[in-house]
All heavy atoms as atom14 arrays in JSON, in Angstrom:
{
  "sequence": "LKQARLAQLAGLATFRFERLDIVDGAALDALFAREQFDRVVHLA",
  "atom14_mask": [
    [1, 1, 1, 1, 1, 1, 1, 1, 0, 0, 0, 0, 0, 0],
    [1, 1, 1, 1, 1, 1, 1, 1, 1, 0, 0, 0, 0, 0],
    [1, 1, 1, 1, 1, 1, 1, 1, 1, 0, 0, 0, 0, 0],
    [1, 1, 1, 1, 1, 0, 0, 0, 0, 0, 0, 0, 0, 0],
    [1, 1, 1, 1, 1, 1, 1, 1, 1, 1, 1, 0, 0, 0],
    [1, 1, 1, 1, 1, 1, 1, 1, 0, 0, 0, 0, 0, 0],
    [1, 1, 1, 1, 1, 0, 0, 0, 0, 0, 0, 0, 0, 0],
    [1, 1, 1, 1, 1, 1, 1, 1, 1, 0, 0, 0, 0, 0],
    [1, 1, 1, 1, 1, 1, 1, 1, 0, 0, 0, 0, 0, 0],
    [1, 1, 1, 1, 1, 0, 0, 0, 0, 0, 0, 0, 0, 0],
    [1, 1, 1, 1, 0, 0, 0, 0, 0, 0, 0, 0, 0, 0],
    [1, 1, 1, 1, 1, 1, 1, 1, 0, 0, 0, 0, 0, 0],
    [1, 1, 1, 1, 1, 0, 0, 0, 0, 0, 0, 0, 0, 0],
    [1, 1, 1, 1, 1, 1, 1, 0, 0, 0, 0, 0, 0, 0],
    [1, 1, 1, 1, 1, 1, 1, 1, 1, 1, 1, 0, 0, 0],
    [1, 1, 1, 1, 1, 1, 1, 1, 1, 1, 1, 0, 0, 0],
    [1, 1, 1, 1, 1, 1, 1, 1, 1, 1, 1, 0, 0, 0],
    [1, 1, 1, 1, 1, 1, 1, 1, 1, 0, 0, 0, 0, 0],
    [1, 1, 1, 1, 1, 1, 1, 1, 1, 1, 1, 0, 0, 0],
    [1, 1, 1, 1, 1, 1, 1, 1, 0, 0, 0, 0, 0, 0],
    [1, 1, 1, 1, 1, 1, 1, 1, 0, 0, 0, 0, 0, 0],
    [1, 1, 1, 1, 1, 1, 1, 1, 0, 0, 0, 0, 0, 0],
    [1, 1, 1, 1, 1, 1, 1, 0, 0, 0, 0, 0, 0, 0],
    [1, 1, 1, 1, 1, 1, 1, 1, 0, 0, 0, 0, 0, 0],
    [1, 1, 1, 1, 0, 0, 0, 0, 0, 0, 0, 0, 0, 0],
    [1, 1, 1, 1, 1, 0, 0, 0, 0, 0, 0, 0, 0, 0],
    [1, 1, 1, 1, 1, 0, 0, 0, 0, 0, 0, 0, 0, 0],
    [1, 1, 1, 1, 1, 1, 1, 1, 0, 0, 0, 0, 0, 0],
    [1, 1, 1, 1, 1, 1, 1, 1, 0, 0, 0, 0, 0, 0],
    [1, 1, 1, 1, 1, 0, 0, 0, 0, 0, 0, 0, 0, 0],
    [1, 1, 1, 1, 1, 1, 1, 1, 0, 0, 0, 0, 0, 0],
    [1, 1, 1, 1, 1, 1, 1, 1, 1, 1, 1, 0, 0, 0],
    [1, 1, 1, 1, 1, 0, 0, 0, 0, 0, 0, 0, 0, 0],
    [1, 1, 1, 1, 1, 1, 1, 1, 1, 1, 1, 0, 0, 0],
    [1, 1, 1, 1, 1, 1, 1, 1, 1, 0, 0, 0, 0, 0],
    [1, 1, 1, 1, 1, 1, 1, 1, 1, 0, 0, 0, 0, 0],
    [1, 1, 1, 1, 1, 1, 1, 1, 1, 1, 1, 0, 0, 0],
    [1, 1, 1, 1, 1, 1, 1, 1, 0, 0, 0, 0, 0, 0],
    [1, 1, 1, 1, 1, 1, 1, 1, 1, 1, 1, 0, 0, 0],
    [1, 1, 1, 1, 1, 1, 1, 0, 0, 0, 0, 0, 0, 0],
    [1, 1, 1, 1, 1, 1, 1, 0, 0, 0, 0, 0, 0, 0],
    [1, 1, 1, 1, 1, 1, 1, 1, 1, 1, 0, 0, 0, 0],
    [1, 1, 1, 1, 1, 1, 1, 1, 0, 0, 0, 0, 0, 0],
    [1, 1, 1, 1, 1, 0, 0, 0, 0, 0, 0, 0, 0, 0]
  ],
  "atom14_positions": [
    [[0.3, 13.08, -11.69], [-1.0, 13.18, -11.0], [-1.07, 12.19, -9.85], [-1.55, 12.53, -8.75], [-2.14, 12.94, -12.0], [-3.54, 12.96, -11.41], [-3.84, 14.26, -10.66], [-4.59, 12.73, -12.52], [0.0, 0.0, 0.0], [0.0, 0.0, 0.0], [0.0, 0.0, 0.0], [0.0, 0.0, 0.0], [0.0, 0.0, 0.0], [0.0, 0.0, 0.0]],
    [[-0.52, 11.01, -10.04], [-0.49, 10.02, -8.97], [0.42, 10.49, -7.84], [0.08, 10.35, -6.64], [0.0, 8.66, -9.51], [-0.9, 8.1, -10.61], [-0.37, 6.81, -11.18], [-1.22, 6.34, -12.35], [-0.76, 5.06, -12.92], [0.0, 0.0, 0.0], [0.0, 0.0, 0.0], [0.0, 0.0, 0.0], [0.0, 0.0, 0.0], [0.0, 0.0, 0.0]],
    [[1.53, 11.1, -8.19], [2.42, 11.64, -7.15], [1.77, 12.78, -6.41], [1.91, 12.91, -5.18], [3.72, 12.13, -7.8], [4.61, 11.03, -8.42], [5.28, 10.15, -7.36], [5.13, 10.36, -6.16], [6.03, 9.16, -7.84], [0.0, 0.0, 0.0], [0.0, 0.0, 0.0], [0.0, 0.0, 0.0], [0.0, 0.0, 0.0], [0.0, 0.0, 0.0]],
    [[0.99, 13.59, -7.13], [0.27, 14.69, -6.48], [-0.78, 14.16, -5.51], [-1.01, 14.74, -4.44], [-0.37, 15.6, -7.52], [0.0, 0.0, 0.0], [0.0, 0.0, 0.0], [0.0, 0.0, 0.0], [0.0, 0.0, 0.0], [0.0, 0.0, 0.0], [0.0, 0.0, 0.0], [0.0, 0.0, 0.0], [0.0, 0.0, 0.0], [0.0, 0.0, 0.0]],
    [[-1.44, 13.09, -5.88], [-2.4, 12.44, -4.95], [-1.69, 11.95, -3.69], [-2.18, 12.14, -2.56], [-3.13, 11.31, -5.63], [-4.03, 11.69, -6.78], [-4.86, 10.51, -7.24], [-5.59, 10.75, -8.48], [-5.42, 10.06, -9.58], [-4.5, 9.06, -9.64], [-6.14, 10.3, -10.65], [0.0, 0.0, 0.0], [0.0, 0.0, 0.0], [0.0, 0.0, 0.0]],
    [[-0.54, 11.29, -3.9], [0.19, 10.77, -2.73], [0.66, 11.93, -1.83], [0.71, 11.78, -0.61], [1.4, 9.96, -3.21], [1.1, 8.59, -3.8], [2.38, 7.93, -4.29], [0.38, 7.69, -2.79], [0.0, 0.0, 0.0], [0.0, 0.0, 0.0], [0.0, 0.0, 0.0], [0.0, 0.0, 0.0], [0.0, 0.0, 0.0], [0.0, 0.0, 0.0]],
    [[0.95, 13.08, -2.43], [1.33, 14.23, -1.66], [0.2, 14.68, -0.74], [0.41, 15.2, 0.38], [1.78, 15.38, -2.55], [0.0, 0.0, 0.0], [0.0, 0.0, 0.0], [0.0, 0.0, 0.0], [0.0, 0.0, 0.0], [0.0, 0.0, 0.0], [0.0, 0.0, 0.0], [0.0, 0.0, 0.0], [0.0, 0.0, 0.0], [0.0, 0.0, 0.0]],
    [[-1.04, 14.5, -1.19], [-2.2, 14.82, -0.38], [-2.33, 13.88, 0.83], [-2.91, 14.23, 1.82], [-3.49, 14.72, -1.23], [-3.56, 15.7, -2.36], [-3.66, 17.13, -1.9], [-4.54, 17.48, -1.09], [-2.81, 17.98, -2.4], [0.0, 0.0, 0.0], [0.0, 0.0, 0.0], [0.0, 0.0, 0.0], [0.0, 0.0, 0.0], [0.0, 0.0, 0.0]],
    [[-1.79, 12.68, 0.68], [-1.89, 11.67, 1.75], [-0.69, 11.68, 2.68], [-0.72, 11.05, 3.74], [-2.03, 10.28, 1.12], [-3.2, 10.07, 0.14], [-3.12, 8.67, -0.46], [-4.53, 10.29, 0.84], [0.0, 0.0, 0.0], [0.0, 0.0, 0.0], [0.0, 0.0, 0.0], [0.0, 0.0, 0.0], [0.0, 0.0, 0.0], [0.0, 0.0, 0.0]],
    [[0.38, 12.35, 2.27], [1.65, 12.24, 2.98], [1.6, 12.63, 4.44], [2.3, 12.1, 5.27], [2.73, 13.04, 2.25], [0.0, 0.0, 0.0], [0.0, 0.0, 0.0], [0.0, 0.0, 0.0], [0.0, 0.0, 0.0], [0.0, 0.0, 0.0], [0.0, 0.0, 0.0], [0.0, 0.0, 0.0], [0.0, 0.0, 0.0], [0.0, 0.0, 0.0]],
    [[0.73, 13.58, 4.78], [0.71, 14.07, 6.15], [-0.22, 13.3, 7.07], [-0.36, 13.65, 8.25], [0.0, 0.0, 0.0], [0.0, 0.0, 0.0], [0.0, 0.0, 0.0], [0.0, 0.0, 0.0], [0.0, 0.0, 0.0], [0.0, 0.0, 0.0], [0.0, 0.0, 0.0], [0.0, 0.0, 0.0], [0.0, 0.0, 0.0], [0.0, 0.0, 0.0]],
    [[-0.85, 12.26, 6.56], [-1.82, 11.5, 7.39], [-1.07, 10.63, 8.36], [-0.25, 9.8, 7.97], [-2.75, 10.67, 6.49], [-3.57, 11.47, 5.45], [-4.41, 10.52, 4.62], [-4.45, 12.5, 6.13], [0.0, 0.0, 0.0], [0.0, 0.0, 0.0], [0.0, 0.0, 0.0], [0.0, 0.0, 0.0], [0.0, 0.0, 0.0], [0.0, 0.0, 0.0]],
    [[-1.41, 10.74, 9.64], [-0.62, 10.1, 10.69], [-0.68, 8.57, 10.65], [0.29, 7.9, 10.97], [-1.1, 10.6, 12.06], [0.0, 0.0, 0.0], [0.0, 0.0, 0.0], [0.0, 0.0, 0.0], [0.0, 0.0, 0.0], [0.0, 0.0, 0.0], [0.0, 0.0, 0.0], [0.0, 0.0, 0.0], [0.0, 0.0, 0.0], [0.0, 0.0, 0.0]],
    [[-1.81, 8.0, 10.22], [-1.95, 6.55, 10.25], [-1.96, 5.95, 8.86], [-2.57, 4.91, 8.6], [-3.23, 6.14, 11.0], [-4.37, 6.72, 10.35], [-3.19, 6.62, 12.43], [0.0, 0.0, 0.0], [0.0, 0.0, 0.0], [0.0, 0.0, 0.0], [0.0, 0.0, 0.0], [0.0, 0.0, 0.0], [0.0, 0.0, 0.0], [0.0, 0.0, 0.0]],
    [[-1.24, 6.61, 7.94], [-1.11, 6.1, 6.58], [0.33, 5.93, 6.21], [1.17, 6.77, 6.51], [-1.77, 7.05, 5.58], [-1.52, 6.66, 4.14], [-2.11, 5.56, 3.56], [-0.65, 7.43, 3.35], [-1.83, 5.19, 2.24], [-0.39, 7.09, 2.02], [-0.98, 5.96, 1.47], [0.0, 0.0, 0.0], [0.0, 0.0, 0.0], [0.0, 0.0, 0.0]],
    [[0.63, 4.81, 5.56], [1.98, 4.57, 5.05], [1.87, 4.0, 3.65], [1.05, 3.15, 3.38], [2.71, 3.58, 5.98], [4.14, 3.25, 5.54], [4.87, 2.5, 6.65], [4.17, 1.29, 7.06], [4.21, 0.14, 6.41], [4.92, 0.04, 5.29], [3.54, -0.92, 6.86], [0.0, 0.0, 0.0], [0.0, 0.0, 0.0], [0.0, 0.0, 0.0]],
    [[2.77, 4.48, 2.75], [2.73, 4.05, 1.36], [3.95, 3.21, 1.03], [5.06, 3.52, 1.47], [2.69, 5.27, 0.42], [2.75, 4.88, -1.04], [1.65, 4.35, -1.68], [3.93, 5.06, -1.75], [1.72, 3.95, -3.01], [4.01, 4.68, -3.1], [2.9, 4.13, -3.73], [0.0, 0.0, 0.0], [0.0, 0.0, 0.0], [0.0, 0.0, 0.0]],
    [[3.74, 2.16, 0.23], [4.84, 1.37, -0.33], [4.6, 1.21, -1.81], [3.48, 0.91, -2.25], [4.9, -0.02, 0.33], [5.38, -0.03, 1.75], [5.69, -1.45, 2.22], [6.0, -2.32, 1.36], [5.66, -1.68, 3.45], [0.0, 0.0, 0.0], [0.0, 0.0, 0.0], [0.0, 0.0, 0.0], [0.0, 0.0, 0.0], [0.0, 0.0, 0.0]],
    [[5.66, 1.42, -2.59], [5.54, 1.16, -4.04], [5.66, -0.33, -4.25], [6.71, -0.94, -3.96], [6.61, 1.94, -4.82], [6.47, 1.78, -6.33], [7.27, 2.78, -7.08], [7.05, 2.67, -8.51], [7.49, 3.54, -9.43], [8.22, 4.6, -9.02], [7.23, 3.37, -10.71], [0.0, 0.0, 0.0], [0.0, 0.0, 0.0], [0.0, 0.0, 0.0]],
    [[4.62, -0.93, -4.78], [4.59, -2.38, -4.93], [3.61, -2.7, -6.05], [2.5, -2.17, -6.1], [4.18, -3.06, -3.61], [4.32, -4.56, -3.5], [4.55, -4.95, -2.04], [3.09, -5.29, -4.03], [0.0, 0.0, 0.0], [0.0, 0.0, 0.0], [0.0, 0.0, 0.0], [0.0, 0.0, 0.0], [0.0, 0.0, 0.0], [0.0, 0.0, 0.0]],
    [[3.97, -3.67, -6.9], [3.12, -4.1, -7.98], [2.45, -5.41, -7.57], [3.14, -6.37, -7.18], [3.97, -4.32, -9.26], [3.13, -4.49, -10.5], [2.02, -5.01, -10.4], [3.62, -4.09, -11.59], [0.0, 0.0, 0.0], [0.0, 0.0, 0.0], [0.0, 0.0, 0.0], [0.0, 0.0, 0.0], [0.0, 0.0, 0.0], [0.0, 0.0, 0.0]],
    [[1.14, -5.47, -7.65], [0.41, -6.7, -7.27], [0.75, -7.89, -8.13], [0.46, -9.04, -7.76], [-1.12, -6.49, -7.23], [-1.62, -6.03, -8.61], [-1.5, -5.46, -6.16], [-3.14, -6.04, -8.74], [0.0, 0.0, 0.0], [0.0, 0.0, 0.0], [0.0, 0.0, 0.0], [0.0, 0.0, 0.0], [0.0, 0.0, 0.0], [0.0, 0.0, 0.0]],
    [[1.36, -7.65, -9.29], [1.79, -8.77, -10.13], [2.97, -9.52, -9.5], [3.18, -10.69, -9.78], [2.15, -8.26, -11.54], [2.72, -9.36, -12.4], [0.9, -7.65, -12.21], [0.0, 0.0, 0.0], [0.0, 0.0, 0.0], [0.0, 0.0, 0.0], [0.0, 0.0, 0.0], [0.0, 0.0, 0.0], [0.0, 0.0, 0.0], [0.0, 0.0, 0.0]],
    [[3.67, -8.86, -8.61], [4.78, -9.47, -7.87], [4.22, -10.2, -6.66], [4.1, -9.68, -5.58], [5.79, -8.39, -7.42], [7.05, -8.95, -6.79], [7.04, -10.15, -6.39], [8.03, -8.21, -6.69], [0.0, 0.0, 0.0], [0.0, 0.0, 0.0], [0.0, 0.0, 0.0], [0.0, 0.0, 0.0], [0.0, 0.0, 0.0], [0.0, 0.0, 0.0]],
    [[3.87, -11.47, -6.89], [3.23, -12.25, -5.84], [4.06, -12.44, -4.59], [3.54, -12.41, -3.46], [0.0, 0.0, 0.0], [0.0, 0.0, 0.0], [0.0, 0.0, 0.0], [0.0, 0.0, 0.0], [0.0, 0.0, 0.0], [0.0, 0.0, 0.0], [0.0, 0.0, 0.0], [0.0, 0.0, 0.0], [0.0, 0.0, 0.0], [0.0, 0.0, 0.0]],
    [[5.36, -12.63, -4.75], [6.24, -12.82, -3.59], [6.28, -11.57, -2.71], [6.21, -11.66, -1.48], [7.64, -13.21, -4.06], [0.0, 0.0, 0.0], [0.0, 0.0, 0.0], [0.0, 0.0, 0.0], [0.0, 0.0, 0.0], [0.0, 0.0, 0.0], [0.0, 0.0, 0.0], [0.0, 0.0, 0.0], [0.0, 0.0, 0.0], [0.0, 0.0, 0.0]],
    [[6.38, -10.4, -3.35], [6.45, -9.15, -2.59], [5.11, -8.92, -1.88], [5.07, -8.43, -0.74], [6.78, -7.99, -3.5], [0.0, 0.0, 0.0], [0.0, 0.0, 0.0], [0.0, 0.0, 0.0], [0.0, 0.0, 0.0], [0.0, 0.0, 0.0], [0.0, 0.0, 0.0], [0.0, 0.0, 0.0], [0.0, 0.0, 0.0], [0.0, 0.0, 0.0]],
    [[4.01, -9.24, -2.55], [2.7, -9.03, -1.95], [2.49, -9.97, -0.76], [2.0, -9.57, 0.31], [1.6, -9.26, -2.99], [0.17, -8.88, -2.61], [0.04, -7.38, -2.4], [-0.8, -9.35, -3.67], [0.0, 0.0, 0.0], [0.0, 0.0, 0.0], [0.0, 0.0, 0.0], [0.0, 0.0, 0.0], [0.0, 0.0, 0.0], [0.0, 0.0, 0.0]],
    [[2.91, -11.22, -0.92], [2.79, -12.19, 0.18], [3.63, -11.75, 1.38], [3.15, -11.86, 2.54], [3.24, -13.57, -0.3], [3.03, -14.62, 0.75], [1.88, -15.07, 0.92], [4.01, -14.99, 1.43], [0.0, 0.0, 0.0], [0.0, 0.0, 0.0], [0.0, 0.0, 0.0], [0.0, 0.0, 0.0], [0.0, 0.0, 0.0], [0.0, 0.0, 0.0]],
    [[4.81, -11.23, 1.13], [5.66, -10.78, 2.22], [5.02, -9.6, 2.95], [5.12, -9.5, 4.19], [7.05, -10.38, 1.67], [0.0, 0.0, 0.0], [0.0, 0.0, 0.0], [0.0, 0.0, 0.0], [0.0, 0.0, 0.0], [0.0, 0.0, 0.0], [0.0, 0.0, 0.0], [0.0, 0.0, 0.0], [0.0, 0.0, 0.0], [0.0, 0.0, 0.0]],
    [[4.38, -8.7, 2.2], [3.69, -7.57, 2.81], [2.56, -8.06, 3.72], [2.44, -7.61, 4.88], [3.12, -6.67, 1.73], [2.32, -5.45, 2.21], [3.24, -4.41, 2.83], [1.49, -4.84, 1.07], [0.0, 0.0, 0.0], [0.0, 0.0, 0.0], [0.0, 0.0, 0.0], [0.0, 0.0, 0.0], [0.0, 0.0, 0.0], [0.0, 0.0, 0.0]],
    [[1.76, -9.01, 3.27], [0.67, -9.53, 4.06], [1.21, -10.23, 5.32], [0.65, -10.09, 6.43], [-0.17, -10.54, 3.25], [-1.3, -9.94, 2.5], [-1.08, -9.16, 1.36], [-2.63, -10.14, 2.91], [-2.14, -8.62, 0.65], [-3.68, -9.59, 2.21], [-3.43, -8.83, 1.07], [0.0, 0.0, 0.0], [0.0, 0.0, 0.0], [0.0, 0.0, 0.0]],
    [[2.28, -11.01, 5.16], [2.87, -11.69, 6.29], [3.37, -10.74, 7.37], [3.22, -10.95, 8.58], [4.01, -12.61, 5.82], [0.0, 0.0, 0.0], [0.0, 0.0, 0.0], [0.0, 0.0, 0.0], [0.0, 0.0, 0.0], [0.0, 0.0, 0.0], [0.0, 0.0, 0.0], [0.0, 0.0, 0.0], [0.0, 0.0, 0.0], [0.0, 0.0, 0.0]],
    [[3.96, -9.66, 6.91], [4.52, -8.66, 7.82], [3.44, -7.82, 8.51], [3.55, -7.53, 9.71], [5.48, -7.76, 7.05], [6.21, -6.73, 7.92], [7.28, -6.02, 7.1], [6.74, -5.13, 6.07], [6.82, -5.36, 4.76], [7.41, -6.45, 4.32], [6.3, -4.52, 3.89], [0.0, 0.0, 0.0], [0.0, 0.0, 0.0], [0.0, 0.0, 0.0]],
    [[2.44, -7.43, 7.77], [1.46, -6.44, 8.28], [0.26, -7.03, 8.98], [-0.34, -6.41, 9.84], [1.01, -5.54, 7.15], [2.11, -4.75, 6.47], [2.69, -3.7, 7.4], [2.08, -3.32, 8.38], [3.82, -3.22, 7.07], [0.0, 0.0, 0.0], [0.0, 0.0, 0.0], [0.0, 0.0, 0.0], [0.0, 0.0, 0.0], [0.0, 0.0, 0.0]],
    [[-0.13, -8.25, 8.61], [-1.3, -8.92, 9.22], [-2.53, -8.03, 9.17], [-3.09, -7.6, 10.18], [-0.98, -9.33, 10.67], [0.14, -10.35, 10.81], [-0.21, -11.7, 10.17], [-1.24, -12.31, 10.51], [0.6, -12.14, 9.25], [0.0, 0.0, 0.0], [0.0, 0.0, 0.0], [0.0, 0.0, 0.0], [0.0, 0.0, 0.0], [0.0, 0.0, 0.0]],
    [[-2.99, -7.75, 7.96], [-4.13, -6.87, 7.75], [-5.42, -7.48, 8.29], [-5.62, -8.69, 8.22], [-4.31, -6.57, 6.26], [-3.13, -5.88, 5.64], [-2.31, -6.55, 4.72], [-2.81, -4.58, 5.99], [-1.23, -5.89, 4.16], [-1.74, -3.92, 5.42], [-0.94, -4.58, 4.5], [0.0, 0.0, 0.0], [0.0, 0.0, 0.0], [0.0, 0.0, 0.0]],
    [[-6.3, -6.61, 8.76], [-7.65, -7.04, 9.15], [-8.53, -7.15, 7.92], [-9.27, -8.1, 7.75], [-8.27, -6.05, 10.14], [-7.5, -5.99, 11.45], [-7.24, -7.05, 12.03], [-7.15, -4.87, 11.88], [0.0, 0.0, 0.0], [0.0, 0.0, 0.0], [0.0, 0.0, 0.0], [0.0, 0.0, 0.0], [0.0, 0.0, 0.0], [0.0, 0.0, 0.0]],
    [[-8.45, -6.12, 7.06], [-9.33, -6.07, 5.88], [-8.56, -5.48, 4.69], [-7.57, -4.79, 4.89], [-10.62, -5.28, 6.16], [-11.38, -5.93, 7.31], [-12.73, -5.35, 7.62], [-13.26, -6.0, 8.81], [-14.47, -5.82, 9.32], [-15.3, -4.97, 8.72], [-14.86, -6.46, 10.4], [0.0, 0.0, 0.0], [0.0, 0.0, 0.0], [0.0, 0.0, 0.0]],
    [[-9.07, -5.73, 3.5], [-8.41, -5.29, 2.28], [-9.42, -4.61, 1.35], [-10.53, -5.14, 1.16], [-7.75, -6.5, 1.55], [-7.16, -6.06, 0.2], [-6.69, -7.16, 2.39], [0.0, 0.0, 0.0], [0.0, 0.0, 0.0], [0.0, 0.0, 0.0], [0.0, 0.0, 0.0], [0.0, 0.0, 0.0], [0.0, 0.0, 0.0], [0.0, 0.0, 0.0]],
    [[-9.02, -3.47, 0.82], [-9.77, -2.8, -0.25], [-8.89, -2.86, -1.5], [-7.86, -2.17, -1.56], [-10.13, -1.34, 0.11], [-10.92, -0.71, -1.05], [-10.94, -1.27, 1.39], [0.0, 0.0, 0.0], [0.0, 0.0, 0.0], [0.0, 0.0, 0.0], [0.0, 0.0, 0.0], [0.0, 0.0, 0.0], [0.0, 0.0, 0.0], [0.0, 0.0, 0.0]],
    [[-9.3, -3.67, -2.45], [-8.47, -3.92, -3.63], [-9.0, -3.07, -4.81], [-10.04, -3.37, -5.39], [-8.47, -5.38, -4.01], [-7.76, -5.69, -5.29], [-6.43, -5.33, -5.51], [-8.2, -6.27, -6.44], [-6.07, -5.68, -6.7], [-7.12, -6.26, -7.3], [0.0, 0.0, 0.0], [0.0, 0.0, 0.0], [0.0, 0.0, 0.0], [0.0, 0.0, 0.0]],
    [[-8.28, -1.99, -5.14], [-8.66, -1.09, -6.22], [-7.65, -1.06, -7.34], [-7.93, -0.49, -8.39], [-8.81, 0.34, -5.65], [-9.83, 0.51, -4.51], [-9.77, 1.87, -3.9], [-11.25, 0.2, -5.02], [0.0, 0.0, 0.0], [0.0, 0.0, 0.0], [0.0, 0.0, 0.0], [0.0, 0.0, 0.0], [0.0, 0.0, 0.0], [0.0, 0.0, 0.0]],
    [[-6.47, -1.65, -7.15], [-5.43, -1.64, -8.18], [-5.89, -2.48, -9.38], [-6.39, -3.62, -9.21], [-4.15, -2.23, -7.63], [0.0, 0.0, 0.0], [0.0, 0.0, 0.0], [0.0, 0.0, 0.0], [0.0, 0.0, 0.0], [0.0, 0.0, 0.0], [0.0, 0.0, 0.0], [0.0, 0.0, 0.0], [0.0, 0.0, 0.0], [0.0, 0.0, 0.0]]
  ]
}
């Protein structure tokens, strides 16, 4: 069902998905450092 939801998002031009677990602090920090987000919606 999660994969089916992602399939609904796959064609969106300004959306990109990465498989990442928020428990992995180092990977999450690297993502923030690379992307420089303006805002965050935390639903996980």
